[in-house]
Amino acid sequence: MADLGTLPDPPMPRWPRPDGSYPPGPGPEVRDPAQLLQLIALGRTVTVLPESARSLLLADLTAVPVPDAPAVTTVIAWPPHSRSRALAALVRTATRL
């Protein structure tokens, strides 16, 4: 992460705010992950993704481990009244992992 801040180019992408506007900055405006991966392949931006995204990378992209990246906590939420068997199976799998 320390090295990322010293890169002169390309700039980090800018994601929309809840109101749809984009924060100021030199990076490209990005709306979805597919667009993000295309911009990375074109050399227009870089980003930090979780290890689980490595399997989704296109053949022309390279993943580099970032040992000083902050730890990430993944959470799952659902309505308390839900009786979905699929959701129950997902929660059981997630807690087992």
PDB file of N, CA and C in Angstrom:
ATOM      1  N   MET A   1       0.831  -1.180   0.000  1.00  0.00           N
ATOM      2  CA  MET A   1       0.000   0.000   0.000  1.00  0.00           C
ATOM      3  C   MET A   1       0.879   1.249   0.000  1.00  0.00           C
ATOM      4  N   ALA A   2       2.018   1.161   0.681  1.00  0.00           N
ATOM      5  CA  ALA A   2       2.913   2.311   0.722  1.00  0.00           C
ATOM      6  C   ALA A   2       3.424   2.634  -0.679  1.00  0.00           C
ATOM      7  N   ASP A   3       3.744   1.617  -1.469  1.00  0.00           N
ATOM      8  CA  ASP A   3       4.230   1.827  -2.832  1.00  0.00           C
ATOM      9  C   ASP A   3       3.140   2.385  -3.738  1.00  0.00           C
ATOM     10  N   LEU A   4       1.901   2.021  -3.486  1.00  0.00           N
ATOM     11  CA  LEU A   4       0.792   2.463  -4.329  1.00  0.00           C
ATOM     12  C   LEU A   4       0.670   3.983  -4.355  1.00  0.00           C
ATOM     13  N   GLY A   5       0.900   4.625  -3.242  1.00  0.00           N
ATOM     14  CA  GLY A   5       0.806   6.075  -3.168  1.00  0.00           C
ATOM     15  C   GLY A   5       1.906   6.801  -3.916  1.00  0.00           C
ATOM     16  N   THR A   6       2.978   6.095  -4.245  1.00  0.00           N
ATOM     17  CA  THR A   6       4.095   6.733  -4.947  1.00  0.00           C
ATOM     18  C   THR A   6       4.040   6.526  -6.456  1.00  0.00           C
ATOM     19  N   LEU A   7       3.072   5.746  -6.938  1.00  0.00           N
ATOM     20  CA  LEU A   7       2.970   5.516  -8.376  1.00  0.00           C
ATOM     21  C   LEU A   7       2.540   6.798  -9.087  1.00  0.00           C
ATOM     22  N   PRO A   8       3.284   7.224 -10.117  1.00  0.00           N
ATOM     23  CA  PRO A   8       2.904   8.442 -10.833  1.00  0.00           C
ATOM     24  C   PRO A   8       1.701   8.206 -11.756  1.00  0.00           C
ATOM     25  N   ASP A   9       1.598   7.028 -12.315  1.00  0.00           N
ATOM     26  CA  ASP A   9       0.533   6.700 -13.248  1.00  0.00           C
ATOM     27  C   ASP A   9       0.325   5.203 -13.234  1.00  0.00           C
ATOM     28  N   PRO A  10      -0.790   4.710 -13.535  1.00  0.00           N
ATOM     29  CA  PRO A  10      -2.060   5.395 -13.725  1.00  0.00           C
ATOM     30  C   PRO A  10      -2.734   5.682 -12.386  1.00  0.00           C
ATOM     31  N   PRO A  11      -3.674   6.620 -12.374  1.00  0.00           N
ATOM     32  CA  PRO A  11      -4.348   6.980 -11.120  1.00  0.00           C
ATOM     33  C   PRO A  11      -5.384   5.931 -10.695  1.00  0.00           C
ATOM     34  N   MET A  12      -5.724   5.969  -9.429  1.00  0.00           N
ATOM     35  CA  MET A  12      -6.752   5.073  -8.893  1.00  0.00           C
ATOM     36  C   MET A  12      -8.124   5.472  -9.461  1.00  0.00           C
ATOM     37  N   PRO A  13      -9.037   4.502  -9.609  1.00  0.00           N
ATOM     38  CA  PRO A  13     -10.364   4.810 -10.139  1.00  0.00           C
ATOM     39  C   PRO A  13     -11.208   5.580  -9.125  1.00  0.00           C
ATOM     40  N   ARG A  14     -12.226   6.256  -9.632  1.00  0.00           N
ATOM     41  CA  ARG A  14     -13.164   6.983  -8.771  1.00  0.00           C
ATOM     42  C   ARG A  14     -14.533   6.338  -8.920  1.00  0.00           C
ATOM     43  N   TRP A  15     -15.096   5.921  -7.791  1.00  0.00           N
ATOM     44  CA  TRP A  15     -16.417   5.289  -7.766  1.00  0.00           C
ATOM     45  C   TRP A  15     -17.473   6.334  -7.418  1.00  0.00           C
ATOM     46  N   PRO A  16     -18.703   6.159  -7.914  1.00  0.00           N
ATOM     47  CA  PRO A  16     -19.739   7.161  -7.633  1.00  0.00           C
ATOM     48  C   PRO A  16     -20.134   7.185  -6.163  1.00  0.00           C
ATOM     49  N   ARG A  17     -20.485   8.370  -5.715  1.00  0.00           N
ATOM     50  CA  ARG A  17     -21.038   8.550  -4.367  1.00  0.00           C
ATOM     51  C   ARG A  17     -22.499   8.106  -4.389  1.00  0.00           C
ATOM     52  N   PRO A  18     -23.136   8.008  -3.215  1.00  0.00           N
ATOM     53  CA  PRO A  18     -24.559   7.621  -3.191  1.00  0.00           C
ATOM     54  C   PRO A  18     -25.458   8.531  -4.045  1.00  0.00           C
ATOM     55  N   ASP A  19     -25.076   9.804  -4.205  1.00  0.00           N
ATOM     56  CA  ASP A  19     -25.902  10.716  -5.004  1.00  0.00           C
ATOM     57  C   ASP A  19     -25.588  10.623  -6.500  1.00  0.00           C
ATOM     58  N   GLY A  20     -24.656   9.745  -6.900  1.00  0.00           N
ATOM     59  CA  GLY A  20     -24.321   9.556  -8.311  1.00  0.00           C
ATOM     60  C   GLY A  20     -23.177  10.427  -8.807  1.00  0.00           C
ATOM     61  N   SER A  21     -22.752  11.396  -8.018  1.00  0.00           N
ATOM     62  CA  SER A  21     -21.622  12.245  -8.422  1.00  0.00           C
ATOM     63  C   SER A  21     -20.312  11.510  -8.126  1.00  0.00           C
ATOM     64  N   TYR A  22     -19.252  11.977  -8.733  1.00  0.00           N
ATOM     65  CA  TYR A  22     -17.942  11.370  -8.525  1.00  0.00           C
ATOM     66  C   TYR A  22     -17.044  12.316  -7.748  1.00  0.00           C
ATOM     67  N   PRO A  23     -16.192  11.783  -6.870  1.00  0.00           N
ATOM     68  CA  PRO A  23     -15.250  12.651  -6.164  1.00  0.00           C
ATOM     69  C   PRO A  23     -14.256  13.245  -7.156  1.00  0.00           C
ATOM     70  N   PRO A  24     -13.699  14.407  -6.857  1.00  0.00           N
ATOM     71  CA  PRO A  24     -12.717  14.992  -7.772  1.00  0.00           C
ATOM     72  C   PRO A  24     -11.443  14.160  -7.804  1.00  0.00           C
ATOM     73  N   GLY A  25     -10.737  14.245  -8.887  1.00  0.00           N
ATOM     74  CA  GLY A  25      -9.477  13.526  -8.985  1.00  0.00           C
ATOM     75  C   GLY A  25      -9.165  13.157 -10.415  1.00  0.00           C
ATOM     76  N   PRO A  26      -7.952  12.673 -10.650  1.00  0.00           N
ATOM     77  CA  PRO A  26      -7.523  12.372 -12.014  1.00  0.00           C
ATOM     78  C   PRO A  26      -7.950  10.989 -12.513  1.00  0.00           C
ATOM     79  N   GLY A  27      -8.359  10.102 -11.618  1.00  0.00           N
ATOM     80  CA  GLY A  27      -8.695   8.740 -12.022  1.00  0.00           C
ATOM     81  C   GLY A  27      -9.973   8.652 -12.829  1.00  0.00           C
ATOM     82  N   PRO A  28     -10.117   7.566 -13.600  1.00  0.00           N
ATOM     83  CA  PRO A  28     -11.320   7.402 -14.412  1.00  0.00           C
ATOM     84  C   PRO A  28     -12.548   7.137 -13.537  1.00  0.00           C
ATOM     85  N   GLU A  29     -13.692   7.577 -14.015  1.00  0.00           N
ATOM     86  CA  GLU A  29     -14.952   7.311 -13.333  1.00  0.00           C
ATOM     87  C   GLU A  29     -15.368   5.879 -13.661  1.00  0.00           C
ATOM     88  N   VAL A  30     -15.618   5.076 -12.632  1.00  0.00           N
ATOM     89  CA  VAL A  30     -15.927   3.664 -12.802  1.00  0.00           C
ATOM     90  C   VAL A  30     -17.305   3.383 -12.226  1.00  0.00           C
ATOM     91  N   ARG A  31     -18.093   2.586 -12.944  1.00  0.00           N
ATOM     92  CA  ARG A  31     -19.446   2.258 -12.495  1.00  0.00           C
ATOM     93  C   ARG A  31     -19.624   0.814 -12.058  1.00  0.00           C
ATOM     94  N   ASP A  32     -18.800  -0.115 -12.577  1.00  0.00           N
ATOM     95  CA  ASP A  32     -18.971  -1.516 -12.215  1.00  0.00           C
ATOM     96  C   ASP A  32     -17.648  -2.270 -12.359  1.00  0.00           C
ATOM     97  N   PRO A  33     -17.562  -3.460 -11.777  1.00  0.00           N
ATOM     98  CA  PRO A  33     -16.304  -4.224 -11.805  1.00  0.00           C
ATOM     99  C   PRO A  33     -15.833  -4.582 -13.214  1.00  0.00           C
ATOM    100  N   ALA A  34     -16.755  -4.879 -14.127  1.00  0.00           N
ATOM    101  CA  ALA A  34     -16.347  -5.226 -15.492  1.00  0.00           C
ATOM    102  C   ALA A  34     -15.646  -4.039 -16.154  1.00  0.00           C
ATOM    103  N   GLN A  35     -16.196  -2.849 -15.978  1.00  0.00           N
ATOM    104  CA  GLN A  35     -15.570  -1.652 -16.527  1.00  0.00           C
ATOM    105  C   GLN A  35     -14.204  -1.430 -15.879  1.00  0.00           C
ATOM    106  N   LEU A  36     -14.114  -1.658 -14.575  1.00  0.00           N
ATOM    107  CA  LEU A  36     -12.850  -1.503 -13.868  1.00  0.00           C
ATOM    108  C   LEU A  36     -11.775  -2.407 -14.462  1.00  0.00           C
ATOM    109  N   LEU A  37     -12.097  -3.679 -14.688  1.00  0.00           N
ATOM    110  CA  LEU A  37     -11.107  -4.614 -15.232  1.00  0.00           C
ATOM    111  C   LEU A  37     -10.682  -4.214 -16.644  1.00  0.00           C
ATOM    112  N   GLN A  38     -11.605  -3.693 -17.447  1.00  0.00           N
ATOM    113  CA  GLN A  38     -11.252  -3.226 -18.787  1.00  0.00           C
ATOM    114  C   GLN A  38     -10.299  -2.031 -18.717  1.00  0.00           C
ATOM    115  N   LEU A  39     -10.570  -1.099 -17.799  1.00  0.00           N
ATOM    116  CA  LEU A  39      -9.697   0.068 -17.653  1.00  0.00           C
ATOM    117  C   LEU A  39      -8.310  -0.332 -17.167  1.00  0.00           C
ATOM    118  N   ILE A  40      -8.238  -1.342 -16.322  1.00  0.00           N
ATOM    119  CA  ILE A  40      -6.930  -1.840 -15.872  1.00  0.00           C
ATOM    120  C   ILE A  40      -6.186  -2.454 -17.060  1.00  0.00           C
ATOM    121  N   ALA A  41      -6.881  -3.273 -17.863  1.00  0.00           N
ATOM    122  CA  ALA A  41      -6.258  -3.904 -19.028  1.00  0.00           C
ATOM    123  C   ALA A  41      -5.757  -2.864 -20.033  1.00  0.00           C
ATOM    124  N   LEU A  42      -6.446  -1.743 -20.126  1.00  0.00           N
ATOM    125  CA  LEU A  42      -6.032  -0.665 -21.035  1.00  0.00           C
ATOM    126  C   LEU A  42      -4.921   0.211 -20.448  1.00  0.00           C
ATOM    127  N   GLY A  43      -4.548  -0.052 -19.197  1.00  0.00           N
ATOM    128  CA  GLY A  43      -3.497   0.731 -18.556  1.00  0.00           C
ATOM    129  C   GLY A  43      -3.961   2.094 -18.076  1.00  0.00           C
ATOM    130  N   ARG A  44      -5.271   2.258 -17.870  1.00  0.00           N
ATOM    131  CA  ARG A  44      -5.821   3.553 -17.458  1.00  0.00           C
ATOM    132  C   ARG A  44      -5.953   3.700 -15.951  1.00  0.00           C
ATOM    133  N   THR A  45      -5.899   2.586 -15.205  1.00  0.00           N
ATOM    134  CA  THR A  45      -6.037   2.655 -13.753  1.00  0.00           C
ATOM    135  C   THR A  45      -5.433   1.416 -13.106  1.00  0.00           C
ATOM    136  N   VAL A  46      -5.266   1.471 -11.801  1.00  0.00           N
ATOM    137  CA  VAL A  46      -4.847   0.332 -10.980  1.00  0.00           C
ATOM    138  C   VAL A  46      -5.800   0.269  -9.804  1.00  0.00           C
ATOM    139  N   THR A  47      -5.844  -0.862  -9.139  1.00  0.00           N
ATOM    140  CA  THR A  47      -6.711  -0.969  -7.962  1.00  0.00           C
ATOM    141  C   THR A  47      -6.201  -2.058  -7.043  1.00  0.00           C
ATOM    142  N   VAL A  48      -6.712  -2.089  -5.837  1.00  0.00           N
ATOM    143  CA  VAL A  48      -6.406  -3.135  -4.867  1.00  0.00           C
ATOM    144  C   VAL A  48      -7.677  -3.939  -4.679  1.00  0.00           C
ATOM    145  N   LEU A  49      -7.590  -5.236  -4.934  1.00  0.00           N
ATOM    146  CA  LEU A  49      -8.737  -6.138  -4.829  1.00  0.00           C
ATOM    147  C   LEU A  49      -8.414  -7.252  -3.839  1.00  0.00           C
ATOM    148  N   PRO A  50      -9.430  -7.890  -3.283  1.00  0.00           N
ATOM    149  CA  PRO A  50      -9.158  -9.014  -2.387  1.00  0.00           C
ATOM    150  C   PRO A  50      -8.593 -10.209  -3.156  1.00  0.00           C
ATOM    151  N   GLU A  51      -7.910 -11.064  -2.457  1.00  0.00           N
ATOM    152  CA  GLU A  51      -7.308 -12.266  -3.055  1.00  0.00           C
ATOM    153  C   GLU A  51      -8.347 -13.080  -3.830  1.00  0.00           C
ATOM    154  N   SER A  52      -9.587 -13.087  -3.370  1.00  0.00           N
ATOM    155  CA  SER A  52     -10.632 -13.876  -4.021  1.00  0.00           C
ATOM    156  C   SER A  52     -10.922 -13.393  -5.444  1.00  0.00           C
ATOM    157  N   ALA A  53     -10.549 -12.175  -5.792  1.00  0.00           N
ATOM    158  CA  ALA A  53     -10.794 -11.646  -7.138  1.00  0.00           C
ATOM    159  C   ALA A  53      -9.768 -12.152  -8.152  1.00  0.00           C
ATOM    160  N   ARG A  54      -8.703 -12.764  -7.691  1.00  0.00           N
ATOM    161  CA  ARG A  54      -7.645 -13.230  -8.602  1.00  0.00           C
ATOM    162  C   ARG A  54      -8.202 -14.171  -9.669  1.00  0.00           C
ATOM    163  N   SER A  55      -9.134 -15.028  -9.321  1.00  0.00           N
ATOM    164  CA  SER A  55      -9.682 -15.980 -10.292  1.00  0.00           C
ATOM    165  C   SER A  55     -10.536 -15.297 -11.361  1.00  0.00           C
ATOM    166  N   LEU A  56     -10.950 -14.067 -11.135  1.00  0.00           N
ATOM    167  CA  LEU A  56     -11.786 -13.341 -12.087  1.00  0.00           C
ATOM    168  C   LEU A  56     -10.981 -12.497 -13.065  1.00  0.00           C
ATOM    169  N   LEU A  57      -9.670 -12.411 -12.875  1.00  0.00           N
ATOM    170  CA  LEU A  57      -8.839 -11.546 -13.709  1.00  0.00           C
ATOM    171  C   LEU A  57      -8.713 -12.093 -15.128  1.00  0.00           C
ATOM    172  N   LEU A  58      -8.713 -11.184 -16.080  1.00  0.00           N
ATOM    173  CA  LEU A  58      -8.513 -11.541 -17.474  1.00  0.00           C
ATOM    174  C   LEU A  58      -7.071 -11.990 -17.676  1.00  0.00           C
ATOM    175  N   ALA A  59      -6.811 -12.684 -18.767  1.00  0.00           N
ATOM    176  CA  ALA A  59      -5.474 -13.228 -19.030  1.00  0.00           C
ATOM    177  C   ALA A  59      -4.411 -12.137 -19.142  1.00  0.00           C
ATOM    178  N   ASP A  60      -4.813 -10.926 -19.545  1.00  0.00           N
ATOM    179  CA  ASP A  60      -3.820  -9.864 -19.721  1.00  0.00           C
ATOM    180  C   ASP A  60      -3.626  -9.003 -18.480  1.00  0.00           C
ATOM    181  N   LEU A  61      -4.124  -9.461 -17.331  1.00  0.00           N
ATOM    182  CA  LEU A  61      -3.952  -8.732 -16.074  1.00  0.00           C
ATOM    183  C   LEU A  61      -3.079  -9.544 -15.132  1.00  0.00           C
ATOM    184  N   THR A  62      -2.355  -8.850 -14.276  1.00  0.00           N
ATOM    185  CA  THR A  62      -1.479  -9.503 -13.316  1.00  0.00           C
ATOM    186  C   THR A  62      -1.852  -9.084 -11.907  1.00  0.00           C
ATOM    187  N   ALA A  63      -1.860 -10.038 -11.012  1.00  0.00           N
ATOM    188  CA  ALA A  63      -2.122  -9.761  -9.599  1.00  0.00           C
ATOM    189  C   ALA A  63      -0.801  -9.816  -8.839  1.00  0.00           C
ATOM    190  N   VAL A  64      -0.606  -8.860  -7.957  1.00  0.00           N
ATOM    191  CA  VAL A  64       0.605  -8.781  -7.140  1.00  0.00           C
ATOM    192  C   VAL A  64       0.170  -8.741  -5.681  1.00  0.00           C
ATOM    193  N   PRO A  65       0.701  -9.621  -4.830  1.00  0.00           N
ATOM    194  CA  PRO A  65       0.327  -9.589  -3.413  1.00  0.00           C
ATOM    195  C   PRO A  65       0.658  -8.235  -2.782  1.00  0.00           C
ATOM    196  N   VAL A  66      -0.193  -7.797  -1.858  1.00  0.00           N
ATOM    197  CA  VAL A  66       0.007  -6.533  -1.155  1.00  0.00           C
ATOM    198  C   VAL A  66       0.065  -6.863   0.345  1.00  0.00           C
ATOM    199  N   PRO A  67       1.265  -7.187   0.837  1.00  0.00           N
ATOM    200  CA  PRO A  67       1.373  -7.641   2.229  1.00  0.00           C
ATOM    201  C   PRO A  67       0.989  -6.588   3.272  1.00  0.00           C
ATOM    202  N   ASP A  68       1.074  -5.294   2.926  1.00  0.00           N
ATOM    203  CA  ASP A  68       0.729  -4.280   3.926  1.00  0.00           C
ATOM    204  C   ASP A  68      -0.693  -3.730   3.745  1.00  0.00           C
ATOM    205  N   ALA A  69      -1.528  -4.448   2.980  1.00  0.00           N
ATOM    206  CA  ALA A  69      -2.931  -4.030   2.837  1.00  0.00           C
ATOM    207  C   ALA A  69      -3.670  -4.309   4.146  1.00  0.00           C
ATOM    208  N   PRO A  70      -4.642  -3.468   4.481  1.00  0.00           N
ATOM    209  CA  PRO A  70      -5.395  -3.703   5.718  1.00  0.00           C
ATOM    210  C   PRO A  70      -6.261  -4.962   5.609  1.00  0.00           C
ATOM    211  N   ALA A  71      -6.500  -5.589   6.742  1.00  0.00           N
ATOM    212  CA  ALA A  71      -7.371  -6.767   6.786  1.00  0.00           C
ATOM    213  C   ALA A  71      -8.792  -6.351   6.416  1.00  0.00           C
ATOM    214  N   VAL A  72      -9.522  -7.259   5.804  1.00  0.00           N
ATOM    215  CA  VAL A  72     -10.892  -6.990   5.373  1.00  0.00           C
ATOM    216  C   VAL A  72     -11.835  -7.924   6.120  1.00  0.00           C
ATOM    217  N   THR A  73     -12.930  -7.380   6.585  1.00  0.00           N
ATOM    218  CA  THR A  73     -13.963  -8.186   7.224  1.00  0.00           C
ATOM    219  C   THR A  73     -15.176  -8.220   6.313  1.00  0.00           C
ATOM    220  N   THR A  74     -15.635  -9.417   6.002  1.00  0.00           N
ATOM    221  CA  THR A  74     -16.816  -9.572   5.172  1.00  0.00           C
ATOM    222  C   THR A  74     -18.003  -9.870   6.073  1.00  0.00           C
ATOM    223  N   VAL A  75     -19.108  -9.200   5.826  1.00  0.00           N
ATOM    224  CA  VAL A  75     -20.317  -9.421   6.614  1.00  0.00           C
ATOM    225  C   VAL A  75     -21.460  -9.803   5.689  1.00  0.00           C
ATOM    226  N   ILE A  76     -22.434 -10.480   6.243  1.00  0.00           N
ATOM    227  CA  ILE A  76     -23.633 -10.833   5.499  1.00  0.00           C
ATOM    228  C   ILE A  76     -24.825 -10.447   6.364  1.00  0.00           C
ATOM    229  N   ALA A  77     -25.842  -9.901   5.737  1.00  0.00           N
ATOM    230  CA  ALA A  77     -27.038  -9.473   6.465  1.00  0.00           C
ATOM    231  C   ALA A  77     -28.276  -9.941   5.711  1.00  0.00           C
ATOM    232  N   TRP A  78     -29.325 -10.197   6.433  1.00  0.00           N
ATOM    233  CA  TRP A  78     -30.580 -10.624   5.835  1.00  0.00           C
ATOM    234  C   TRP A  78     -31.733 -10.223   6.737  1.00  0.00           C
ATOM    235  N   PRO A  79     -32.942 -10.155   6.172  1.00  0.00           N
ATOM    236  CA  PRO A  79     -34.097  -9.779   6.993  1.00  0.00           C
ATOM    237  C   PRO A  79     -34.349 -10.843   8.064  1.00  0.00           C
ATOM    238  N   PRO A  80     -34.669 -10.433   9.282  1.00  0.00           N
ATOM    239  CA  PRO A  80     -34.861 -11.409  10.368  1.00  0.00           C
ATOM    240  C   PRO A  80     -36.024 -12.365  10.114  1.00  0.00           C
ATOM    241  N   HIS A  81     -36.963 -11.978   9.281  1.00  0.00           N
ATOM    242  CA  HIS A  81     -38.125 -12.832   9.030  1.00  0.00           C
ATOM    243  C   HIS A  81     -37.900 -13.821   7.877  1.00  0.00           C
ATOM    244  N   SER A  82     -36.731 -13.817   7.262  1.00  0.00           N
ATOM    245  CA  SER A  82     -36.468 -14.671   6.109  1.00  0.00           C
ATOM    246  C   SER A  82     -36.494 -16.140   6.495  1.00  0.00           C
ATOM    247  N   ARG A  83     -37.114 -16.943   5.647  1.00  0.00           N
ATOM    248  CA  ARG A  83     -37.170 -18.408   5.835  1.00  0.00           C
ATOM    249  C   ARG A  83     -36.595 -19.133   4.619  1.00  0.00           C
ATOM    250  N   SER A  84     -35.749 -18.435   3.857  1.00  0.00           N
ATOM    251  CA  SER A  84     -35.175 -18.987   2.640  1.00  0.00           C
ATOM    252  C   SER A  84     -34.185 -20.100   2.954  1.00  0.00           C
ATOM    253  N   ARG A  85     -34.392 -21.272   2.353  1.00  0.00           N
ATOM    254  CA  ARG A  85     -33.461 -22.384   2.552  1.00  0.00           C
ATOM    255  C   ARG A  85     -32.110 -22.082   1.897  1.00  0.00           C
ATOM    256  N   ALA A  86     -32.158 -21.413   0.746  1.00  0.00           N
ATOM    257  CA  ALA A  86     -30.903 -21.060   0.061  1.00  0.00           C
ATOM    258  C   ALA A  86     -30.078 -20.108   0.920  1.00  0.00           C
ATOM    259  N   LEU A  87     -30.730 -19.134   1.542  1.00  0.00           N
ATOM    260  CA  LEU A  87     -30.022 -18.196   2.410  1.00  0.00           C
ATOM    261  C   LEU A  87     -29.457 -18.919   3.629  1.00  0.00           C
ATOM    262  N   ALA A  88     -30.242 -19.825   4.200  1.00  0.00           N
ATOM    263  CA  ALA A  88     -29.765 -20.594   5.355  1.00  0.00           C
ATOM    264  C   ALA A  88     -28.525 -21.413   4.975  1.00  0.00           C
ATOM    265  N   ALA A  89     -28.524 -22.002   3.778  1.00  0.00           N
ATOM    266  CA  ALA A  89     -27.375 -22.785   3.328  1.00  0.00           C
ATOM    267  C   ALA A  89     -26.155 -21.877   3.132  1.00  0.00           C
ATOM    268  N   LEU A  90     -26.371 -20.686   2.590  1.00  0.00           N
ATOM    269  CA  LEU A  90     -25.276 -19.737   2.408  1.00  0.00           C
ATOM    270  C   LEU A  90     -24.669 -19.338   3.752  1.00  0.00           C
ATOM    271  N   VAL A  91     -25.510 -19.044   4.727  1.00  0.00           N
ATOM    272  CA  VAL A  91     -25.034 -18.650   6.054  1.00  0.00           C
ATOM    273  C   VAL A  91     -24.267 -19.801   6.704  1.00  0.00           C
ATOM    274  N   ARG A  92     -24.777 -21.026   6.586  1.00  0.00           N
ATOM    275  CA  ARG A  92     -24.070 -22.179   7.151  1.00  0.00           C
ATOM    276  C   ARG A  92     -22.697 -22.338   6.511  1.00  0.00           C
ATOM    277  N   THR A  93     -22.626 -22.198   5.186  1.00  0.00           N
ATOM    278  CA  THR A  93     -21.342 -22.324   4.482  1.00  0.00           C
ATOM    279  C   THR A  93     -20.396 -21.207   4.906  1.00  0.00           C
ATOM    280  N   ALA A  94     -20.901 -19.986   4.950  1.00  0.00           N
ATOM    281  CA  ALA A  94     -20.044 -18.843   5.311  1.00  0.00           C
ATOM    282  C   ALA A  94     -19.494 -18.990   6.722  1.00  0.00           C
ATOM    283  N   THR A  95     -20.309 -19.429   7.667  1.00  0.00           N
ATOM    284  CA  THR A  95     -19.816 -19.560   9.037  1.00  0.00           C
ATOM    285  C   THR A  95     -18.856 -20.740   9.171  1.00  0.00           C
ATOM    286  N   ARG A  96     -19.023 -21.749   8.335  1.00  0.00           N
ATOM    287  CA  ARG A  96     -18.100 -22.895   8.373  1.00  0.00           C
ATOM    288  C   ARG A  96     -16.727 -22.496   7.832  1.00  0.00           C
ATOM    289  N   LEU A  97     -16.707 -21.598   6.838  1.00  0.00           N
ATOM    290  CA  LEU A  97     -15.429 -21.174   6.250  1.00  0.00           C
ATOM    291  C   LEU A  97     -14.722 -20.208   7.172  1.00  0.00           C
TER     292      LEU A  97
END
